[in-house]
Protein backbone atom coordinates (compact mmCIF):
# COMPACT_ATOMS: atom_id res chain seq x y z
CA MET A 1 0.00 0.00 0.00
CA ILE A 2 2.65 2.54 0.96
CA VAL A 3 4.41 2.08 -2.38
CA SER A 4 1.23 3.09 -4.23
CA VAL A 5 0.80 6.10 -1.94
CA ILE A 6 4.37 7.22 -2.60
CA ALA A 7 3.87 6.67 -6.34
CA ALA A 8 0.89 9.05 -6.24
CA ILE A 9 3.01 12.01 -5.10
CA ASP A 10 3.10 14.52 -7.93
CA SER A 11 6.54 15.99 -7.34
CA VAL A 12 9.41 13.83 -8.52
CA ASP A 13 11.67 15.26 -5.81
CA ASP A 14 9.12 14.64 -3.04
CA ARG A 15 8.48 11.14 -4.35
CA ALA A 16 12.22 10.39 -4.34
CA PHE A 17 12.56 11.85 -0.84
CA MET A 18 9.71 9.73 0.57
CA THR A 19 11.01 6.62 -1.17
CA GLN A 20 14.39 7.18 0.50
CA VAL A 21 12.76 7.81 3.90
CA TYR A 22 10.75 4.61 3.53
CA GLU A 23 13.76 2.53 2.50
CA ASP A 24 15.98 3.98 5.24
CA PHE A 25 13.56 3.92 8.16
CA TRP A 26 10.80 1.33 7.75
CA ARG A 27 12.69 -1.34 9.72
CA LEU A 28 13.40 1.08 12.56
CA MET A 29 9.79 2.27 12.56
CA PHE A 30 8.52 -1.32 12.52
CA SER A 31 10.74 -2.13 15.49
CA ALA A 32 9.57 0.97 17.37
CA ALA A 33 5.95 0.04 16.65
CA SER A 34 6.44 -3.14 18.67
CA GLY A 35 6.18 -0.94 21.75
CA TYR A 36 2.60 -0.12 20.74
CA CYS A 37 1.36 -3.24 18.93
CA ASP A 38 1.90 -6.94 19.55
CA GLN A 39 0.81 -8.23 16.14
CA PRO A 40 3.08 -7.75 13.09
CA ALA A 41 0.11 -6.75 10.91
CA ASP A 42 -0.80 -4.01 13.39
CA ARG A 43 2.81 -2.79 13.36
CA GLU A 44 2.75 -2.63 9.57
CA ASP A 45 -0.48 -0.62 9.71
CA LEU A 46 1.04 1.78 12.23
CA VAL A 47 4.16 2.30 10.11
CA GLN A 48 2.08 2.84 6.97
CA GLU A 49 -0.24 5.32 8.66
CA SER A 50 2.74 7.20 10.07
CA LEU A 51 4.39 7.41 6.66
CA ILE A 52 1.13 8.54 5.05
CA ARG A 53 0.86 11.35 7.59
CA LEU A 54 4.50 12.27 6.93
CA ILE A 55 3.81 12.35 3.19
CA GLY A 56 0.97 14.77 3.83
CA HIS A 57 3.29 17.06 5.77
CA VAL A 58 5.97 16.90 3.07
CA VAL A 59 3.46 17.76 0.34
CA GLU A 60 2.01 20.64 2.41
CA ALA A 61 5.49 22.02 3.08
CA ALA A 62 6.34 21.83 -0.61
CA GLU A 63 3.13 23.63 -1.54
CA ARG A 64 3.84 26.42 0.98
CA THR A 65 7.36 26.77 -0.42
CA LEU A 66 6.05 27.09 -3.97
CA ALA A 67 3.29 29.55 -3.05
């Protein structure tokens, strides 16, 4: 799911940035999620939701910069 969300980002630079963030930090985020969720599927959901929120912030920041 997260790959399709990242692919939907309009800006090539923002898409590349979020792809790098995902590749660099998903394992760390998954490990940190174990403090909140016992089930691996729940951890994956938490990581995905966190990254989706981060994507929203990145896109908003980019739009403010361009405005």
